[in-house]
Structures are given as C-alpha cells and as structure tokens.
Amino acid sequence: MEILLLIGVVLGILLLASLIFRKRTSLDEIEKEIQGLREKR
C-alpha cells in the first residue's frame, strides 16, 4: 500500500512540474513577441 501512495505522490509532483513548465514557456514566448514588436518601431 505504501508503494501505491509513493507512486501517487511522485505522479502528482510531475504533473505540477509539467504545468509550471508549460506556463513558463508560454510567458517566454509572449516576452519574445513583445520584444519583436518593440524592435519594429
């Protein structure tokens, strides 16, 4: 039973990490677009 609990915790941490990583990449993409618009001025 403890093994199942451990697997659940690890999967939860991985899920949170993947969500945070996706948000960071999308923010980086938005920042790049803003820089591109500034350079066009």
C-alpha atoms as a PDB file:
ATOM      1  CA  MET A   1       0.000   0.000   0.000  1.00  0.00           C
ATOM      2  CA  GLU A   2       2.830   2.410   0.788  1.00  0.00           C
ATOM      3  CA  ILE A   3       4.258   1.879  -2.698  1.00  0.00           C
ATOM      4  CA  LEU A   4       0.982   2.992  -4.292  1.00  0.00           C
ATOM      5  CA  LEU A   5       0.966   6.122  -2.130  1.00  0.00           C
ATOM      6  CA  LEU A   6       4.558   6.901  -3.100  1.00  0.00           C
ATOM      7  CA  ILE A   7       3.752   6.450  -6.810  1.00  0.00           C
ATOM      8  CA  GLY A   8       0.741   8.775  -6.442  1.00  0.00           C
ATOM      9  CA  VAL A   9       2.820  11.486  -4.787  1.00  0.00           C
ATOM     10  CA  VAL A  10       5.535  11.248  -7.460  1.00  0.00           C
ATOM     11  CA  LEU A  11       2.969  11.453 -10.270  1.00  0.00           C
ATOM     12  CA  GLY A  12       1.360  14.486  -8.618  1.00  0.00           C
ATOM     13  CA  ILE A  13       4.704  16.278  -8.361  1.00  0.00           C
ATOM     14  CA  LEU A  14       5.497  15.504 -12.001  1.00  0.00           C
ATOM     15  CA  LEU A  15       2.082  16.833 -13.066  1.00  0.00           C
ATOM     16  CA  LEU A  16       2.597  20.097 -11.182  1.00  0.00           C
ATOM     17  CA  ALA A  17       6.113  20.459 -12.591  1.00  0.00           C
ATOM     18  CA  SER A  18       4.846  19.973 -16.156  1.00  0.00           C
ATOM     19  CA  LEU A  19       2.111  22.591 -15.674  1.00  0.00           C
ATOM     20  CA  ILE A  20       4.590  25.122 -14.265  1.00  0.00           C
ATOM     21  CA  PHE A  21       6.998  24.432 -17.141  1.00  0.00           C
ATOM     22  CA  ARG A  22       4.251  24.973 -19.736  1.00  0.00           C
ATOM     23  CA  LYS A  23       3.259  28.290 -18.175  1.00  0.00           C
ATOM     24  CA  ARG A  24       6.877  29.467 -18.107  1.00  0.00           C
ATOM     25  CA  THR A  25       7.416  28.610 -21.769  1.00  0.00           C
ATOM     26  CA  SER A  26       4.231  30.449 -22.782  1.00  0.00           C
ATOM     27  CA  LEU A  27       5.342  33.508 -20.806  1.00  0.00           C
ATOM     28  CA  ASP A  28       8.733  33.360 -22.526  1.00  0.00           C
ATOM     29  CA  GLU A  29       7.011  33.239 -25.922  1.00  0.00           C
ATOM     30  CA  ILE A  30       4.889  36.288 -25.062  1.00  0.00           C
ATOM     31  CA  GLU A  31       8.003  38.151 -23.914  1.00  0.00           C
ATOM     32  CA  LYS A  32       9.716  37.361 -27.228  1.00  0.00           C
ATOM     33  CA  GLU A  33       6.703  38.672 -29.157  1.00  0.00           C
ATOM     34  CA  ILE A  34       6.745  41.917 -27.149  1.00  0.00           C
ATOM     35  CA  GLN A  35      10.457  42.366 -27.869  1.00  0.00           C
ATOM     36  CA  GLY A  36       9.785  41.802 -31.567  1.00  0.00           C
ATOM     37  CA  LEU A  37       7.103  44.463 -31.572  1.00  0.00           C
ATOM     38  CA  ARG A  38       9.409  46.935 -29.817  1.00  0.00           C
ATOM     39  CA  GLU A  39      12.147  46.349 -32.400  1.00  0.00           C
ATOM     40  CA  LYS A  40       9.720  47.047 -35.277  1.00  0.00           C
ATOM     41  CA  ARG A  41       9.098  50.626 -34.033  1.00  0.00           C
END
